[in-house]
PDB file of N, CA and C in Angstrom:
ATOM      1  N   MET A   1      -9.670  11.490 -24.401  1.00  0.00           N
ATOM      2  CA  MET A   1      -9.322  10.380 -25.581  1.00  0.00           C
ATOM      3  C   MET A   1     -10.023   9.129 -25.943  1.00  0.00           C
ATOM      4  N   LYS A   2     -10.263   9.026 -27.466  1.00  0.00           N
ATOM      5  CA  LYS A   2     -11.468   8.202 -27.776  1.00  0.00           C
ATOM      6  C   LYS A   2     -10.613   6.679 -27.782  1.00  0.00           C
ATOM      7  N   MET A   3     -11.827   5.951 -27.329  1.00  0.00           N
ATOM      8  CA  MET A   3     -11.242   4.222 -27.039  1.00  0.00           C
ATOM      9  C   MET A   3     -11.377   3.723 -28.359  1.00  0.00           C
ATOM     10  N   ALA A   4     -10.178   2.819 -28.900  1.00  0.00           N
ATOM     11  CA  ALA A   4      -9.972   2.275 -29.947  1.00  0.00           C
ATOM     12  C   ALA A   4     -11.093   0.864 -30.022  1.00  0.00           C
ATOM     13  N   THR A   5     -10.911   1.147 -31.252  1.00  0.00           N
ATOM     14  CA  THR A   5     -11.949  -0.089 -31.954  1.00  0.00           C
ATOM     15  C   THR A   5     -12.263  -1.436 -32.333  1.00  0.00           C
ATOM     16  N   ILE A   6     -10.752  -1.094 -33.229  1.00  0.00           N
ATOM     17  CA  ILE A   6      -9.876  -2.042 -34.206  1.00  0.00           C
ATOM     18  C   ILE A   6      -9.445  -2.852 -33.133  1.00  0.00           C
ATOM     19  N   PRO A   7      -8.963  -3.865 -33.554  1.00  0.00           N
ATOM     20  CA  PRO A   7      -7.525  -4.488 -33.179  1.00  0.00           C
ATOM     21  C   PRO A   7      -6.097  -3.816 -33.469  1.00  0.00           C
ATOM     22  N   GLU A   8      -6.572  -3.253 -34.828  1.00  0.00           N
ATOM     23  CA  GLU A   8      -4.811  -2.136 -34.643  1.00  0.00           C
ATOM     24  C   GLU A   8      -5.151  -1.572 -33.894  1.00  0.00           C
ATOM     25  N   GLU A   9      -6.084  -0.467 -33.830  1.00  0.00           N
ATOM     26  CA  GLU A   9      -6.051   0.739 -32.971  1.00  0.00           C
ATOM     27  C   GLU A   9      -5.829   0.129 -31.387  1.00  0.00           C
ATOM     28  N   GLN A  10      -6.642  -1.366 -31.243  1.00  0.00           N
ATOM     29  CA  GLN A  10      -6.193  -1.167 -29.197  1.00  0.00           C
ATOM     30  C   GLN A  10      -4.813  -1.573 -29.604  1.00  0.00           C
ATOM     31  N   ARG A  11      -4.456  -2.519 -30.366  1.00  0.00           N
ATOM     32  CA  ARG A  11      -2.678  -2.471 -30.319  1.00  0.00           C
ATOM     33  C   ARG A  11      -1.907  -1.297 -30.373  1.00  0.00           C
ATOM     34  N   GLN A  12      -1.831  -0.608 -31.001  1.00  0.00           N
ATOM     35  CA  GLN A  12      -1.081   0.758 -30.943  1.00  0.00           C
ATOM     36  C   GLN A  12      -1.751   1.546 -29.574  1.00  0.00           C
ATOM     37  N   TRP A  13      -2.808   1.448 -29.041  1.00  0.00           N
ATOM     38  CA  TRP A  13      -3.498   2.046 -27.680  1.00  0.00           C
ATOM     39  C   TRP A  13      -2.786   1.242 -26.798  1.00  0.00           C
ATOM     40  N   MET A  14      -2.293   0.100 -26.805  1.00  0.00           N
ATOM     41  CA  MET A  14      -1.657  -0.625 -25.616  1.00  0.00           C
ATOM     42  C   MET A  14      -0.478  -0.367 -25.794  1.00  0.00           C
ATOM     43  N   GLN A  15       0.051  -0.413 -26.958  1.00  0.00           N
ATOM     44  CA  GLN A  15       1.490  -0.340 -26.974  1.00  0.00           C
ATOM     45  C   GLN A  15       2.277   1.514 -26.469  1.00  0.00           C
ATOM     46  N   GLU A  16       1.314   2.764 -26.568  1.00  0.00           N
ATOM     47  CA  GLU A  16       1.542   3.874 -26.799  1.00  0.00           C
ATOM     48  C   GLU A  16       1.377   3.985 -24.280  1.00  0.00           C
ATOM     49  N   TRP A  17       0.591   3.060 -24.027  1.00  0.00           N
ATOM     50  CA  TRP A  17       0.751   2.640 -22.812  1.00  0.00           C
ATOM     51  C   TRP A  17       1.703   2.185 -22.194  1.00  0.00           C
ATOM     52  N   ARG A  18       2.198   1.249 -23.053  1.00  0.00           N
ATOM     53  CA  ARG A  18       3.430   0.422 -22.381  1.00  0.00           C
ATOM     54  C   ARG A  18       4.783   1.435 -22.372  1.00  0.00           C
ATOM     55  N   GLU A  19       5.139   2.143 -23.495  1.00  0.00           N
ATOM     56  CA  GLU A  19       5.918   3.243 -23.806  1.00  0.00           C
ATOM     57  C   GLU A  19       6.196   4.555 -22.315  1.00  0.00           C
ATOM     58  N   THR A  20       4.466   4.770 -22.248  1.00  0.00           N
ATOM     59  CA  THR A  20       4.288   5.789 -21.227  1.00  0.00           C
ATOM     60  C   THR A  20       4.910   5.464 -20.161  1.00  0.00           C
ATOM     61  N   ALA A  21       4.415   4.133 -19.687  1.00  0.00           N
ATOM     62  CA  ALA A  21       4.485   3.428 -18.049  1.00  0.00           C
ATOM     63  C   ALA A  21       6.128   3.354 -18.651  1.00  0.00           C
ATOM     64  N   ILE A  22       6.781   2.898 -19.186  1.00  0.00           N
ATOM     65  CA  ILE A  22       8.489   2.743 -19.456  1.00  0.00           C
ATOM     66  C   ILE A  22       9.201   4.096 -19.055  1.00  0.00           C
ATOM     67  N   PHE A  23       8.995   5.178 -19.691  1.00  0.00           N
ATOM     68  CA  PHE A  23       9.079   6.617 -19.607  1.00  0.00           C
ATOM     69  C   PHE A  23       9.172   6.965 -18.543  1.00  0.00           C
ATOM     70  N   LEU A  24       7.458   6.892 -17.426  1.00  0.00           N
ATOM     71  CA  LEU A  24       7.544   7.210 -16.441  1.00  0.00           C
ATOM     72  C   LEU A  24       8.270   6.380 -15.118  1.00  0.00           C
ATOM     73  N   ASP A  25       8.018   5.474 -15.440  1.00  0.00           N
ATOM     74  CA  ASP A  25       9.384   4.456 -14.368  1.00  0.00           C
ATOM     75  C   ASP A  25      10.564   4.863 -14.430  1.00  0.00           C
ATOM     76  N   GLU A  26      11.128   5.540 -15.591  1.00  0.00           N
ATOM     77  CA  GLU A  26      12.591   5.843 -15.371  1.00  0.00           C
ATOM     78  C   GLU A  26      12.714   7.247 -14.639  1.00  0.00           C
ATOM     79  N   MET A  27      11.260   8.301 -15.302  1.00  0.00           N
ATOM     80  CA  MET A  27      11.444   9.326 -14.771  1.00  0.00           C
ATOM     81  C   MET A  27      11.543   9.370 -13.320  1.00  0.00           C
ATOM     82  N   ARG A  28      10.913   8.410 -12.763  1.00  0.00           N
ATOM     83  CA  ARG A  28      10.346   8.014 -11.393  1.00  0.00           C
ATOM     84  C   ARG A  28      11.900   7.852 -10.776  1.00  0.00           C
ATOM     85  N   ARG A  29      12.958   6.572 -11.272  1.00  0.00           N
ATOM     86  CA  ARG A  29      14.058   6.417 -10.910  1.00  0.00           C
ATOM     87  C   ARG A  29      14.672   7.837 -10.737  1.00  0.00           C
ATOM     88  N   TYR A  30      15.174   8.389 -11.746  1.00  0.00           N
ATOM     89  CA  TYR A  30      16.060   9.660 -11.680  1.00  0.00           C
ATOM     90  C   TYR A  30      15.458  10.413 -10.963  1.00  0.00           C
ATOM     91  N   GLU A  31      14.164  10.773 -10.783  1.00  0.00           N
ATOM     92  CA  GLU A  31      13.992  12.339  -9.879  1.00  0.00           C
ATOM     93  C   GLU A  31      14.313  11.049  -8.019  1.00  0.00           C
ATOM     94  N   LEU A  32      14.594   9.967  -7.956  1.00  0.00           N
ATOM     95  CA  LEU A  32      14.486   9.196  -6.386  1.00  0.00           C
ATOM     96  C   LEU A  32      15.856   9.396  -6.615  1.00  0.00           C
ATOM     97  N   ALA A  33      16.749   9.175  -7.503  1.00  0.00           N
ATOM     98  CA  ALA A  33      18.034   9.042  -7.412  1.00  0.00           C
ATOM     99  C   ALA A  33      18.885  10.568  -7.408  1.00  0.00           C
ATOM    100  N   HIS A  34      18.413  11.726  -7.873  1.00  0.00           N
ATOM    101  CA  HIS A  34      18.556  13.093  -7.742  1.00  0.00           C
ATOM    102  C   HIS A  34      17.956  13.880  -6.540  1.00  0.00           C
ATOM    103  N   LEU A  35      17.174  13.125  -6.173  1.00  0.00           N
ATOM    104  CA  LEU A  35      16.502  14.090  -4.977  1.00  0.00           C
ATOM    105  C   LEU A  35      17.488  14.058  -3.679  1.00  0.00           C
ATOM    106  N   THR A  36      17.569  15.356  -3.425  1.00  0.00           N
ATOM    107  CA  THR A  36      18.189  15.583  -2.385  1.00  0.00           C
ATOM    108  C   THR A  36      17.356  15.523  -0.828  1.00  0.00           C
ATOM    109  N   PRO A  37      18.429  15.763   0.535  1.00  0.00           N
ATOM    110  CA  PRO A  37      17.734  15.506   1.665  1.00  0.00           C
ATOM    111  C   PRO A  37      16.669  16.615   1.662  1.00  0.00           C
ATOM    112  N   GLU A  38      17.236  18.328   1.267  1.00  0.00           N
ATOM    113  CA  GLU A  38      16.424  19.437   1.384  1.00  0.00           C
ATOM    114  C   GLU A  38      14.979  18.909   0.543  1.00  0.00           C
ATOM    115  N   GLN A  39      14.687  18.247  -0.413  1.00  0.00           N
ATOM    116  CA  GLN A  39      13.916  18.003  -0.953  1.00  0.00           C
ATOM    117  C   GLN A  39      13.032  17.334  -0.959  1.00  0.00           C
ATOM    118  N   ALA A  40      13.777  16.308   0.125  1.00  0.00           N
ATOM    119  CA  ALA A  40      12.669  15.025   0.577  1.00  0.00           C
ATOM    120  C   ALA A  40      11.966  15.865   1.648  1.00  0.00           C
ATOM    121  N   ARG A  41      12.873  16.496   2.612  1.00  0.00           N
ATOM    122  CA  ARG A  41      12.141  17.336   3.716  1.00  0.00           C
ATOM    123  C   ARG A  41      10.884  18.147   3.246  1.00  0.00           C
ATOM    124  N   ARG A  42      11.128  18.999   2.047  1.00  0.00           N
ATOM    125  CA  ARG A  42       9.903  20.019   1.941  1.00  0.00           C
ATOM    126  C   ARG A  42       8.900  19.116   1.320  1.00  0.00           C
ATOM    127  N   ASP A  43       9.725  18.179   0.764  1.00  0.00           N
ATOM    128  CA  ASP A  43       8.367  17.396   0.128  1.00  0.00           C
ATOM    129  C   ASP A  43       7.274  16.886   1.044  1.00  0.00           C
ATOM    130  N   ALA A  44       8.046  16.191   2.446  1.00  0.00           N
ATOM    131  CA  ALA A  44       7.457  15.610   3.045  1.00  0.00           C
ATOM    132  C   ALA A  44       6.484  16.576   4.021  1.00  0.00           C
ATOM    133  N   ALA A  45       7.257  17.933   3.937  1.00  0.00           N
ATOM    134  CA  ALA A  45       6.450  18.739   5.015  1.00  0.00           C
ATOM    135  C   ALA A  45       5.393  19.160   4.394  1.00  0.00           C
ATOM    136  N   SER A  46       4.917  19.185   3.180  1.00  0.00           N
ATOM    137  CA  SER A  46       4.164  19.597   2.043  1.00  0.00           C
ATOM    138  C   SER A  46       2.920  19.013   2.199  1.00  0.00           C
ATOM    139  N   VAL A  47       3.124  17.201   2.201  1.00  0.00           N
ATOM    140  CA  VAL A  47       2.444  16.438   2.432  1.00  0.00           C
ATOM    141  C   VAL A  47       1.265  16.400   3.592  1.00  0.00           C
ATOM    142  N   LEU A  48       2.265  16.854   4.690  1.00  0.00           N
ATOM    143  CA  LEU A  48       1.608  16.413   6.242  1.00  0.00           C
ATOM    144  C   LEU A  48       1.404  17.728   6.376  1.00  0.00           C
ATOM    145  N   SER A  49       1.407  18.709   5.030  1.00  0.00           N
ATOM    146  CA  SER A  49       0.632  20.530   5.910  1.00  0.00           C
ATOM    147  C   SER A  49      -0.822  20.561   5.441  1.00  0.00           C
ATOM    148  N   ILE A  50      -1.028  19.339   4.174  1.00  0.00           N
ATOM    149  CA  ILE A  50      -2.239  19.131   3.712  1.00  0.00           C
ATOM    150  C   ILE A  50      -3.369  19.231   4.822  1.00  0.00           C
ATOM    151  N   PRO A  51      -4.355  20.070   5.279  1.00  0.00           N
ATOM    152  CA  PRO A  51      -5.897  20.044   6.254  1.00  0.00           C
ATOM    153  C   PRO A  51      -6.169  18.840   6.720  1.00  0.00           C
ATOM    154  N   GLY A  52      -6.184  18.100   7.491  1.00  0.00           N
ATOM    155  CA  GLY A  52      -6.508  16.825   7.992  1.00  0.00           C
ATOM    156  C   GLY A  52      -5.840  15.973   7.786  1.00  0.00           C
ATOM    157  N   GLY A  53      -4.918  16.423   7.402  1.00  0.00           N
ATOM    158  CA  GLY A  53      -3.518  14.704   7.303  1.00  0.00           C
ATOM    159  C   GLY A  53      -3.633  14.783   5.782  1.00  0.00           C
ATOM    160  N   TRP A  54      -2.459  13.748   5.792  1.00  0.00           N
ATOM    161  CA  TRP A  54      -2.621  13.016   4.153  1.00  0.00           C
ATOM    162  C   TRP A  54      -3.328  11.706   4.119  1.00  0.00           C
ATOM    163  N   ARG A  55      -4.419  11.612   4.787  1.00  0.00           N
ATOM    164  CA  ARG A  55      -5.472  10.622   4.629  1.00  0.00           C
ATOM    165  C   ARG A  55      -7.038  10.548   4.557  1.00  0.00           C
ATOM    166  N   ASN A  56      -7.342  11.030   4.286  1.00  0.00           N
ATOM    167  CA  ASN A  56      -8.726  10.810   3.789  1.00  0.00           C
ATOM    168  C   ASN A  56      -9.624  10.452   5.263  1.00  0.00           C
ATOM    169  N   PRO A  57      -9.981  10.924   5.970  1.00  0.00           N
ATOM    170  CA  PRO A  57     -10.404  10.535   7.412  1.00  0.00           C
ATOM    171  C   PRO A  57     -11.709   9.869   7.791  1.00  0.00           C
ATOM    172  N   GLU A  58     -12.569  10.530   6.467  1.00  0.00           N
ATOM    173  CA  GLU A  58     -13.759   9.410   6.390  1.00  0.00           C
ATOM    174  C   GLU A  58     -13.883   8.588   5.566  1.00  0.00           C
ATOM    175  N   ALA A  59     -12.526   8.239   5.198  1.00  0.00           N
ATOM    176  CA  ALA A  59     -12.590   6.597   4.192  1.00  0.00           C
ATOM    177  C   ALA A  59     -12.279   5.311   5.494  1.00  0.00           C
ATOM    178  N   VAL A  60     -13.233   4.277   5.006  1.00  0.00           N
ATOM    179  CA  VAL A  60     -12.443   3.429   5.745  1.00  0.00           C
ATOM    180  C   VAL A  60     -11.459   2.762   5.951  1.00  0.00           C
ATOM    181  N   CYS A  61     -10.687   2.597   7.180  1.00  0.00           N
ATOM    182  CA  CYS A  61      -9.438   1.960   6.979  1.00  0.00           C
ATOM    183  C   CYS A  61      -9.556   0.033   7.275  1.00  0.00           C
ATOM    184  N   GLY A  62      -9.152  -0.712   6.923  1.00  0.00           N
ATOM    185  CA  GLY A  62      -8.939  -1.851   7.321  1.00  0.00           C
ATOM    186  C   GLY A  62      -8.616  -2.378   8.372  1.00  0.00           C
ATOM    187  N   LEU A  63      -7.407  -1.984   8.872  1.00  0.00           N
ATOM    188  CA  LEU A  63      -6.734  -2.288   9.905  1.00  0.00           C
ATOM    189  C   LEU A  63      -6.830  -1.636  11.291  1.00  0.00           C
ATOM    190  N   ILE A  64      -8.114  -0.269  10.911  1.00  0.00           N
ATOM    191  CA  ILE A  64      -9.194   0.041  12.027  1.00  0.00           C
ATOM    192  C   ILE A  64     -10.110  -0.449  12.490  1.00  0.00           C
ATOM    193  N   GLU A  65     -10.641  -1.201  11.466  1.00  0.00           N
ATOM    194  CA  GLU A  65     -11.938  -1.734  11.500  1.00  0.00           C
ATOM    195  C   GLU A  65     -11.538  -2.992  11.888  1.00  0.00           C
ATOM    196  N   GLN A  66     -10.313  -4.065  11.503  1.00  0.00           N
ATOM    197  CA  GLN A  66     -10.231  -4.856  12.335  1.00  0.00           C
ATOM    198  C   GLN A  66      -9.758  -5.068  13.970  1.00  0.00           C
ATOM    199  N   GLN A  67      -9.048  -3.091  14.192  1.00  0.00           N
ATOM    200  CA  GLN A  67      -8.757  -3.881  15.722  1.00  0.00           C
ATOM    201  C   GLN A  67      -9.967  -3.519  16.345  1.00  0.00           C
ATOM    202  N   ALA A  68     -11.126  -3.079  15.681  1.00  0.00           N
ATOM    203  CA  ALA A  68     -12.311  -2.959  16.673  1.00  0.00           C
ATOM    204  C   ALA A  68     -13.157  -4.300  16.591  1.00  0.00           C
ATOM    205  N   VAL A  69     -13.197  -4.857  15.706  1.00  0.00           N
ATOM    206  CA  VAL A  69     -13.671  -6.548  15.555  1.00  0.00           C
ATOM    207  C   VAL A  69     -13.086  -7.119  17.007  1.00  0.00           C
ATOM    208  N   PHE A  70     -11.744  -6.715  16.647  1.00  0.00           N
ATOM    209  CA  PHE A  70     -10.649  -7.307  18.568  1.00  0.00           C
ATOM    210  C   PHE A  70     -11.267  -7.071  19.610  1.00  0.00           C
ATOM    211  N   ARG A  71     -11.408  -5.401  19.863  1.00  0.00           N
ATOM    212  CA  ARG A  71     -11.845  -4.855  20.929  1.00  0.00           C
ATOM    213  C   ARG A  71     -13.302  -5.569  21.406  1.00  0.00           C
ATOM    214  N   ARG A  72     -13.794  -5.326  20.426  1.00  0.00           N
ATOM    215  CA  ARG A  72     -15.357  -5.842  20.818  1.00  0.00           C
ATOM    216  C   ARG A  72     -15.201  -7.555  20.970  1.00  0.00           C
ATOM    217  N   LEU A  73     -14.056  -8.413  20.881  1.00  0.00           N
ATOM    218  CA  LEU A  73     -14.196  -9.963  20.546  1.00  0.00           C
ATOM    219  C   LEU A  73     -13.655  -9.718  22.494  1.00  0.00           C
ATOM    220  N   ARG A  74     -12.695  -9.205  22.178  1.00  0.00           N
ATOM    221  CA  ARG A  74     -11.645  -9.111  24.098  1.00  0.00           C
ATOM    222  C   ARG A  74     -12.800  -9.100  24.701  1.00  0.00           C
ATOM    223  N   GLY A  75     -14.524  -8.133  25.108  1.00  0.00           N
ATOM    224  CA  GLY A  75     -14.877  -7.644  25.680  1.00  0.00           C
ATOM    225  C   GLY A  75     -15.915  -9.133  25.793  1.00  0.00           C
ATOM    226  N   LYS A  76     -16.121  -9.641  25.322  1.00  0.00           N
ATOM    227  CA  LYS A  76     -17.084 -10.447  25.455  1.00  0.00           C
ATOM    228  C   LYS A  76     -16.427 -11.394  26.416  1.00  0.00           C
TER     229      LYS A  76
END
């Protein structure tokens, strides 16, 4: 998608994004309202079956780092 360059194109671009955001929110709400327990279990099992878990083990986790700092401080 090319970037809007003149103010009118920018306004139109932003309006399209706003409408898209509203549509996606309505879709999310509809899907959650009509989610069956069976589908929720299948979705959860699918996410949990990803190799290595659902989170990137190499990503830095602030809570883990915070706990490491507390351990070091407690040890002093």
